Amino acid sequence: MEKLINITIEKLPEGVYLATSDDIQGLVAQGRTVSETMEIARDVARRLLEAQSERHQTQHLADVGDKETFPLVVAASCGATGRIYLQRDC
């Protein structure tokens, strides 16, 4: 079953991204991009949950339902006409 975990990603001065979570103690992940950081955080979260399960500790995390709202980050720039272009269109 999938669980919903909130993570916070911040860009560090060194140019890398750091993910942490208040939902799972010990979740820390670092990557070169937001996408890579999220992939690493997902793997770390899975391993932490598996370890907690083996020790019979439970996390009170929300189940992922049939419908959820997720933010989508899209790089965009505004042309001279005011029209918004996705980066792939530039």
Protein backbone atom coordinates (compact mmCIF):
# COMPACT_ATOMS: atom_id res chain seq x y z
CA MET A 1 0.00 0.00 0.00
CA GLU A 2 1.27 3.46 -0.84
CA LYS A 3 1.59 6.08 1.89
CA LEU A 4 1.62 9.85 1.56
CA ILE A 5 4.73 11.50 3.02
CA ASN A 6 5.37 15.23 3.02
CA ILE A 7 8.93 16.30 2.30
CA THR A 8 10.64 19.66 2.25
CA ILE A 9 13.26 20.30 -0.43
CA GLU A 10 15.63 23.23 -0.20
CA LYS A 11 18.43 24.34 -2.47
CA LEU A 12 21.71 24.60 -0.60
CA PRO A 13 24.37 27.25 -1.32
CA GLU A 14 26.55 24.50 -2.81
CA GLY A 15 23.94 24.10 -5.57
CA VAL A 16 22.56 20.73 -4.45
CA TYR A 17 19.10 19.99 -3.08
CA LEU A 18 18.34 18.61 0.38
CA ALA A 19 15.11 16.79 1.30
CA THR A 20 13.90 16.24 4.85
CA SER A 21 10.59 15.15 6.34
CA ASP A 22 8.73 15.77 9.56
CA ASP A 23 6.67 12.65 8.79
CA ILE A 24 9.53 10.13 8.98
CA GLN A 25 12.31 10.64 11.50
CA GLY A 26 15.73 10.31 9.90
CA LEU A 27 14.67 10.99 6.31
CA VAL A 28 17.43 13.04 4.71
CA ALA A 29 18.24 12.91 0.99
CA GLN A 30 20.51 14.98 -1.22
CA GLY A 31 20.64 15.22 -5.01
CA ARG A 32 21.84 17.38 -7.90
CA THR A 33 18.29 18.11 -9.11
CA VAL A 34 14.86 18.26 -7.48
CA SER A 35 13.85 15.14 -9.41
CA GLU A 36 16.92 13.19 -8.33
CA THR A 37 16.43 14.33 -4.73
CA MET A 38 12.81 13.14 -4.78
CA GLU A 39 13.86 9.73 -6.15
CA ILE A 40 16.48 9.35 -3.42
CA ALA A 41 14.02 10.52 -0.75
CA ARG A 42 11.47 7.94 -1.94
CA ASP A 43 14.07 5.18 -1.63
CA VAL A 44 15.23 6.36 1.81
CA ALA A 45 11.62 6.60 3.03
CA ARG A 46 10.86 3.07 1.82
CA ARG A 47 13.93 1.69 3.59
CA LEU A 48 13.14 3.56 6.82
CA LEU A 49 9.54 2.29 6.78
CA GLU A 50 10.75 -1.28 6.14
CA ALA A 51 13.19 -1.04 9.07
CA GLN A 52 10.48 0.33 11.36
CA SER A 53 8.14 -2.45 10.29
CA GLU A 54 10.78 -5.07 11.16
CA ARG A 55 11.05 -3.53 14.65
CA HIS A 56 7.23 -3.52 14.91
CA GLN A 57 7.12 0.28 15.07
CA THR A 58 4.25 1.96 13.28
CA GLN A 59 4.05 5.24 11.40
CA HIS A 60 0.75 7.04 11.24
CA LEU A 61 0.89 8.05 7.60
CA ALA A 62 -2.03 8.77 5.32
CA ASP A 63 -2.85 6.25 2.62
CA VAL A 64 -2.67 7.48 -0.96
CA GLY A 65 -6.27 7.55 -2.13
CA ASP A 66 -7.85 7.39 -5.55
CA LYS A 67 -7.51 11.15 -5.90
CA GLU A 68 -4.76 13.35 -4.48
CA THR A 69 -3.50 16.85 -5.18
CA PHE A 70 0.21 17.19 -5.95
CA PRO A 71 2.18 20.30 -6.95
CA LEU A 72 3.74 20.22 -10.40
CA VAL A 73 6.83 22.35 -10.95
CA VAL A 74 7.29 23.52 -14.55
CA ALA A 75 10.01 25.84 -15.76
CA ALA A 76 8.47 28.59 -17.90
CA SER A 77 9.57 31.87 -19.42
CA CYS A 78 7.54 34.75 -20.74
CA GLY A 79 8.09 35.86 -24.32
CA ALA A 80 7.84 39.44 -25.60
CA THR A 81 4.15 38.91 -26.41
CA GLY A 82 3.35 37.99 -22.82
CA ARG A 83 2.63 34.41 -23.86
CA ILE A 84 4.05 31.78 -21.54
CA TYR A 85 6.32 29.21 -23.16
CA LEU A 86 7.30 25.91 -21.61
CA GLN A 87 11.05 25.40 -21.70
CA ARG A 88 10.71 22.67 -24.33
CA ASP A 89 9.09 25.28 -26.66
CA CYS A 90 11.94 27.79 -26.41
